[in-house]
Amino acid sequence: MRSSPSPSDKVDALAVLYSLHAGEREALSLCMAFPKAIPLSDDTAARLAAKTLTVAAHGTLGLLVRAIRRRLLSKAQVLALLRQIPERSSLHIRSGLLAEVTQQVATMAEPE
């Protein structure tokens, strides 16, 4: 009889496959132990590993969009932050993706 791999074995295997750092590995391990936890990462490999584990990871862009929906920031504030990313942040986001998200935010209705 075979037993299924433990959550930590799965995380360890994915850490090797995706070349995850110790902090990313620990974050995913914690998310496996606490299923309501949401890891925050802009690292593509870490987000792919999370997806493989069916863990919903969020990045900077998703957090900014969510901030509008939760009425934590206005649409204008988020648009201003999005426009500042290329000049004021070391965060590398493909220009096409940033333009797409900026357009999405620009056309969003403000939550009531």
N, C-alpha and C. Protein backbone atom coordinates (compact mmCIF):
# COMPACT_ATOMS: atom_id res chain seq x y z
N MET A 1 0.85 -1.18 0.00
CA MET A 1 0.00 0.00 0.00
C MET A 1 0.89 1.25 0.00
N ARG A 2 0.63 2.14 -0.92
CA ARG A 2 1.39 3.37 -1.02
C ARG A 2 0.69 4.49 -0.27
N SER A 3 1.48 5.29 0.40
CA SER A 3 0.90 6.47 1.05
C SER A 3 1.19 7.67 0.18
N SER A 4 0.30 8.63 0.22
CA SER A 4 0.52 9.83 -0.58
C SER A 4 1.58 10.71 0.10
N PRO A 5 2.28 11.51 -0.70
CA PRO A 5 3.33 12.35 -0.12
C PRO A 5 2.73 13.36 0.87
N SER A 6 3.49 13.64 1.90
CA SER A 6 3.04 14.63 2.88
C SER A 6 3.12 16.02 2.26
N PRO A 7 2.37 16.99 2.82
CA PRO A 7 2.46 18.36 2.30
C PRO A 7 3.89 18.88 2.26
N SER A 8 4.69 18.57 3.28
CA SER A 8 6.07 19.08 3.27
C SER A 8 6.90 18.40 2.18
N ASP A 9 6.63 17.14 1.89
CA ASP A 9 7.33 16.46 0.79
C ASP A 9 6.98 17.11 -0.55
N LYS A 10 5.71 17.46 -0.71
CA LYS A 10 5.27 18.13 -1.95
C LYS A 10 5.97 19.47 -2.09
N VAL A 11 6.01 20.24 -1.02
CA VAL A 11 6.66 21.56 -1.06
C VAL A 11 8.14 21.39 -1.36
N ASP A 12 8.79 20.43 -0.72
CA ASP A 12 10.22 20.20 -0.96
C ASP A 12 10.49 19.83 -2.41
N ALA A 13 9.65 18.98 -2.98
CA ALA A 13 9.82 18.59 -4.38
C ALA A 13 9.64 19.78 -5.31
N LEU A 14 8.63 20.60 -5.03
CA LEU A 14 8.39 21.77 -5.87
C LEU A 14 9.49 22.81 -5.69
N ALA A 15 10.04 22.90 -4.49
CA ALA A 15 11.12 23.85 -4.23
C ALA A 15 12.32 23.54 -5.12
N VAL A 16 12.60 22.27 -5.30
CA VAL A 16 13.70 21.87 -6.18
C VAL A 16 13.32 22.15 -7.64
N LEU A 17 12.12 21.73 -8.03
CA LEU A 17 11.66 21.89 -9.41
C LEU A 17 11.65 23.35 -9.85
N TYR A 18 11.17 24.24 -8.97
CA TYR A 18 11.03 25.66 -9.31
C TYR A 18 12.17 26.53 -8.77
N SER A 19 13.18 25.92 -8.19
CA SER A 19 14.34 26.65 -7.62
C SER A 19 13.88 27.73 -6.63
N LEU A 20 13.05 27.33 -5.69
CA LEU A 20 12.53 28.27 -4.71
C LEU A 20 13.55 28.53 -3.61
N HIS A 21 13.54 29.73 -3.09
CA HIS A 21 14.39 30.10 -1.97
C HIS A 21 13.76 29.59 -0.67
N ALA A 22 14.54 29.62 0.40
CA ALA A 22 14.08 29.11 1.70
C ALA A 22 12.82 29.83 2.16
N GLY A 23 12.75 31.13 1.98
CA GLY A 23 11.57 31.88 2.41
C GLY A 23 10.32 31.50 1.64
N GLU A 24 10.46 31.29 0.34
CA GLU A 24 9.32 30.87 -0.47
C GLU A 24 8.86 29.47 -0.08
N ARG A 25 9.82 28.61 0.18
CA ARG A 25 9.50 27.25 0.62
C ARG A 25 8.75 27.28 1.95
N GLU A 26 9.24 28.11 2.88
CA GLU A 26 8.59 28.21 4.20
C GLU A 26 7.19 28.79 4.06
N ALA A 27 7.03 29.80 3.23
CA ALA A 27 5.70 30.40 3.03
C ALA A 27 4.71 29.36 2.50
N LEU A 28 5.14 28.57 1.53
CA LEU A 28 4.26 27.53 0.98
C LEU A 28 3.96 26.45 2.01
N SER A 29 4.95 26.11 2.80
CA SER A 29 4.72 25.12 3.87
C SER A 29 3.69 25.62 4.87
N LEU A 30 3.79 26.89 5.22
CA LEU A 30 2.82 27.48 6.15
C LEU A 30 1.42 27.50 5.53
N CYS A 31 1.35 27.77 4.24
CA CYS A 31 0.04 27.78 3.57
C CYS A 31 -0.56 26.38 3.53
N MET A 32 0.27 25.37 3.45
CA MET A 32 -0.24 24.00 3.48
C MET A 32 -0.75 23.67 4.89
N ALA A 33 -0.08 24.19 5.91
CA ALA A 33 -0.49 23.94 7.29
C ALA A 33 -1.70 24.78 7.69
N PHE A 34 -1.82 25.96 7.08
CA PHE A 34 -2.93 26.88 7.39
C PHE A 34 -3.63 27.22 6.08
N PRO A 35 -4.59 26.40 5.67
CA PRO A 35 -5.21 26.54 4.35
C PRO A 35 -5.85 27.89 4.04
N LYS A 36 -6.20 28.68 5.04
CA LYS A 36 -6.79 29.99 4.77
C LYS A 36 -5.73 31.05 4.51
N ALA A 37 -4.46 30.71 4.71
CA ALA A 37 -3.37 31.66 4.48
C ALA A 37 -3.19 31.90 2.98
N ILE A 38 -2.78 33.11 2.64
CA ILE A 38 -2.54 33.48 1.24
C ILE A 38 -1.12 34.01 1.13
N PRO A 39 -0.28 33.34 0.36
CA PRO A 39 1.08 33.86 0.20
C PRO A 39 1.11 35.06 -0.74
N LEU A 40 1.97 35.99 -0.46
CA LEU A 40 2.15 37.17 -1.29
C LEU A 40 3.51 37.08 -1.95
N SER A 41 3.50 37.05 -3.28
CA SER A 41 4.77 36.93 -4.00
C SER A 41 4.61 37.43 -5.42
N ASP A 42 5.62 38.15 -5.88
CA ASP A 42 5.67 38.56 -7.27
C ASP A 42 6.60 37.67 -8.08
N ASP A 43 7.14 36.64 -7.43
CA ASP A 43 8.04 35.72 -8.09
C ASP A 43 7.22 34.69 -8.88
N THR A 44 7.46 34.62 -10.17
CA THR A 44 6.68 33.72 -11.03
C THR A 44 6.81 32.27 -10.60
N ALA A 45 8.01 31.84 -10.30
CA ALA A 45 8.22 30.44 -9.91
C ALA A 45 7.46 30.11 -8.63
N ALA A 46 7.51 31.00 -7.66
CA ALA A 46 6.81 30.77 -6.40
C ALA A 46 5.30 30.71 -6.62
N ARG A 47 4.80 31.54 -7.50
CA ARG A 47 3.36 31.54 -7.78
C ARG A 47 2.95 30.28 -8.54
N LEU A 48 3.80 29.80 -9.44
CA LEU A 48 3.51 28.54 -10.14
C LEU A 48 3.52 27.37 -9.17
N ALA A 49 4.48 27.37 -8.25
CA ALA A 49 4.52 26.31 -7.24
C ALA A 49 3.26 26.35 -6.39
N ALA A 50 2.84 27.55 -6.00
CA ALA A 50 1.62 27.69 -5.20
C ALA A 50 0.41 27.15 -5.97
N LYS A 51 0.34 27.49 -7.24
CA LYS A 51 -0.78 27.02 -8.07
C LYS A 51 -0.79 25.49 -8.15
N THR A 52 0.39 24.90 -8.27
CA THR A 52 0.51 23.44 -8.31
C THR A 52 -0.04 22.83 -7.02
N LEU A 53 0.15 23.53 -5.91
CA LEU A 53 -0.33 23.06 -4.61
C LEU A 53 -1.77 23.49 -4.34
N THR A 54 -2.42 24.10 -5.32
CA THR A 54 -3.76 24.68 -5.21
C THR A 54 -3.84 25.70 -4.07
N VAL A 55 -2.79 26.49 -3.97
CA VAL A 55 -2.74 27.60 -3.01
C VAL A 55 -2.88 28.88 -3.82
N ALA A 56 -3.82 29.74 -3.44
CA ALA A 56 -4.07 30.98 -4.18
C ALA A 56 -3.09 32.06 -3.75
N ALA A 57 -2.04 32.26 -4.53
CA ALA A 57 -1.04 33.29 -4.23
C ALA A 57 -1.46 34.60 -4.89
N HIS A 58 -1.06 35.70 -4.29
CA HIS A 58 -1.35 37.02 -4.85
C HIS A 58 -0.06 37.81 -4.98
N GLY A 59 -0.04 38.68 -5.98
CA GLY A 59 1.10 39.56 -6.20
C GLY A 59 0.69 41.01 -6.03
N THR A 60 1.61 41.90 -6.30
CA THR A 60 1.39 43.33 -6.11
C THR A 60 0.19 43.83 -6.91
N LEU A 61 0.12 43.46 -8.17
CA LEU A 61 -0.98 43.96 -9.01
C LEU A 61 -2.33 43.48 -8.50
N GLY A 62 -2.40 42.23 -8.12
CA GLY A 62 -3.65 41.69 -7.58
C GLY A 62 -4.06 42.36 -6.28
N LEU A 63 -3.07 42.67 -5.45
CA LEU A 63 -3.37 43.36 -4.19
C LEU A 63 -3.90 44.76 -4.44
N LEU A 64 -3.35 45.44 -5.43
CA LEU A 64 -3.83 46.79 -5.73
C LEU A 64 -5.27 46.76 -6.24
N VAL A 65 -5.57 45.82 -7.11
CA VAL A 65 -6.95 45.69 -7.61
C VAL A 65 -7.89 45.33 -6.46
N ARG A 66 -7.46 44.43 -5.62
CA ARG A 66 -8.27 44.03 -4.47
C ARG A 66 -8.51 45.21 -3.53
N ALA A 67 -7.53 46.09 -3.39
CA ALA A 67 -7.68 47.26 -2.51
C ALA A 67 -8.83 48.16 -2.97
N ILE A 68 -9.04 48.24 -4.26
CA ILE A 68 -10.19 49.02 -4.77
C ILE A 68 -11.48 48.32 -4.38
N ARG A 69 -11.54 47.03 -4.64
CA ARG A 69 -12.76 46.27 -4.36
C ARG A 69 -13.14 46.30 -2.88
N ARG A 70 -12.12 46.36 -2.04
CA ARG A 70 -12.37 46.39 -0.59
C ARG A 70 -12.45 47.81 -0.04
N ARG A 71 -12.42 48.78 -0.93
CA ARG A 71 -12.53 50.20 -0.56
C ARG A 71 -11.38 50.68 0.34
N LEU A 72 -10.21 50.10 0.16
CA LEU A 72 -9.04 50.52 0.93
C LEU A 72 -8.29 51.63 0.20
N LEU A 73 -8.37 51.61 -1.13
CA LEU A 73 -7.79 52.65 -1.97
C LEU A 73 -8.79 53.00 -3.05
N SER A 74 -8.73 54.24 -3.51
CA SER A 74 -9.60 54.64 -4.61
C SER A 74 -8.99 54.19 -5.94
N LYS A 75 -9.81 54.19 -6.96
CA LYS A 75 -9.32 53.85 -8.29
C LYS A 75 -8.20 54.81 -8.70
N ALA A 76 -8.37 56.09 -8.42
CA ALA A 76 -7.35 57.09 -8.76
C ALA A 76 -6.03 56.82 -8.03
N GLN A 77 -6.11 56.43 -6.77
CA GLN A 77 -4.89 56.12 -6.02
C GLN A 77 -4.16 54.92 -6.62
N VAL A 78 -4.92 53.89 -6.98
CA VAL A 78 -4.31 52.69 -7.56
C VAL A 78 -3.72 53.01 -8.92
N LEU A 79 -4.41 53.78 -9.73
CA LEU A 79 -3.86 54.16 -11.04
C LEU A 79 -2.54 54.92 -10.87
N ALA A 80 -2.50 55.81 -9.90
CA ALA A 80 -1.26 56.55 -9.64
C ALA A 80 -0.14 55.60 -9.23
N LEU A 81 -0.44 54.64 -8.38
CA LEU A 81 0.58 53.67 -7.95
C LEU A 81 1.04 52.80 -9.12
N LEU A 82 0.12 52.37 -9.95
CA LEU A 82 0.48 51.55 -11.11
C LEU A 82 1.41 52.32 -12.04
N ARG A 83 1.12 53.59 -12.25
CA ARG A 83 1.95 54.41 -13.14
C ARG A 83 3.35 54.65 -12.57
N GLN A 84 3.48 54.57 -11.27
CA GLN A 84 4.78 54.82 -10.62
C GLN A 84 5.67 53.57 -10.58
N ILE A 85 5.11 52.41 -10.78
CA ILE A 85 5.89 51.17 -10.65
C ILE A 85 7.17 51.17 -11.49
N PRO A 86 7.11 51.52 -12.79
CA PRO A 86 8.36 51.45 -13.58
C PRO A 86 9.48 52.38 -13.08
N GLU A 87 9.11 53.54 -12.55
CA GLU A 87 10.12 54.51 -12.13
C GLU A 87 10.54 54.39 -10.67
N ARG A 88 9.64 53.94 -9.83
CA ARG A 88 9.90 54.00 -8.40
C ARG A 88 10.04 52.65 -7.72
N SER A 89 10.01 51.57 -8.49
CA SER A 89 10.05 50.25 -7.88
C SER A 89 11.09 49.37 -8.58
N SER A 90 11.65 48.45 -7.85
CA SER A 90 12.55 47.47 -8.45
C SER A 90 11.77 46.25 -8.94
N LEU A 91 10.47 46.29 -8.77
CA LEU A 91 9.59 45.21 -9.20
C LEU A 91 9.60 45.14 -10.73
N HIS A 92 9.91 43.98 -11.26
CA HIS A 92 9.91 43.80 -12.71
C HIS A 92 8.57 43.22 -13.13
N ILE A 93 7.81 44.03 -13.85
CA ILE A 93 6.53 43.58 -14.40
C ILE A 93 6.57 43.87 -15.89
N ARG A 94 6.21 42.87 -16.69
CA ARG A 94 6.18 43.08 -18.13
C ARG A 94 5.34 44.30 -18.44
N SER A 95 5.83 45.14 -19.34
CA SER A 95 5.11 46.38 -19.66
C SER A 95 3.72 46.10 -20.20
N GLY A 96 3.57 45.02 -20.97
CA GLY A 96 2.25 44.67 -21.50
C GLY A 96 1.27 44.30 -20.40
N LEU A 97 1.76 43.56 -19.41
CA LEU A 97 0.90 43.18 -18.28
C LEU A 97 0.51 44.41 -17.47
N LEU A 98 1.48 45.27 -17.23
CA LEU A 98 1.19 46.49 -16.47
C LEU A 98 0.17 47.36 -17.21
N ALA A 99 0.32 47.47 -18.52
CA ALA A 99 -0.63 48.25 -19.32
C ALA A 99 -2.02 47.61 -19.27
N GLU A 100 -2.07 46.29 -19.33
CA GLU A 100 -3.36 45.57 -19.29
C GLU A 100 -4.06 45.80 -17.95
N VAL A 101 -3.33 45.69 -16.86
CA VAL A 101 -3.93 45.89 -15.54
C VAL A 101 -4.33 47.34 -15.35
N THR A 102 -3.51 48.27 -15.83
CA THR A 102 -3.84 49.70 -15.73
C THR A 102 -5.14 49.99 -16.48
N GLN A 103 -5.29 49.41 -17.67
CA GLN A 103 -6.51 49.59 -18.45
C GLN A 103 -7.70 48.98 -17.73
N GLN A 104 -7.51 47.81 -17.15
CA GLN A 104 -8.58 47.14 -16.40
C GLN A 104 -9.03 48.03 -15.24
N VAL A 105 -8.08 48.59 -14.52
CA VAL A 105 -8.42 49.45 -13.38
C VAL A 105 -9.11 50.71 -13.87
N ALA A 106 -8.62 51.27 -14.94
CA ALA A 106 -9.20 52.52 -15.47
C ALA A 106 -10.67 52.35 -15.84
N THR A 107 -11.04 51.17 -16.28
CA THR A 107 -12.43 50.93 -16.71
C THR A 107 -13.30 50.33 -15.61
N MET A 108 -12.69 50.07 -14.45
CA MET A 108 -13.47 49.51 -13.33
C MET A 108 -14.43 50.55 -12.78
N ALA A 109 -15.58 50.09 -12.35
CA ALA A 109 -16.49 50.97 -11.63
C ALA A 109 -16.03 51.04 -10.17
N GLU A 110 -16.14 52.20 -9.58
CA GLU A 110 -15.82 52.34 -8.15
C GLU A 110 -16.85 51.53 -7.37
N PRO A 111 -16.42 50.79 -6.35
CA PRO A 111 -17.39 50.05 -5.55
C PRO A 111 -18.35 51.01 -4.82
N GLU A 112 -19.56 50.54 -4.67
CA GLU A 112 -20.56 51.40 -4.00
C GLU A 112 -20.52 51.22 -2.51
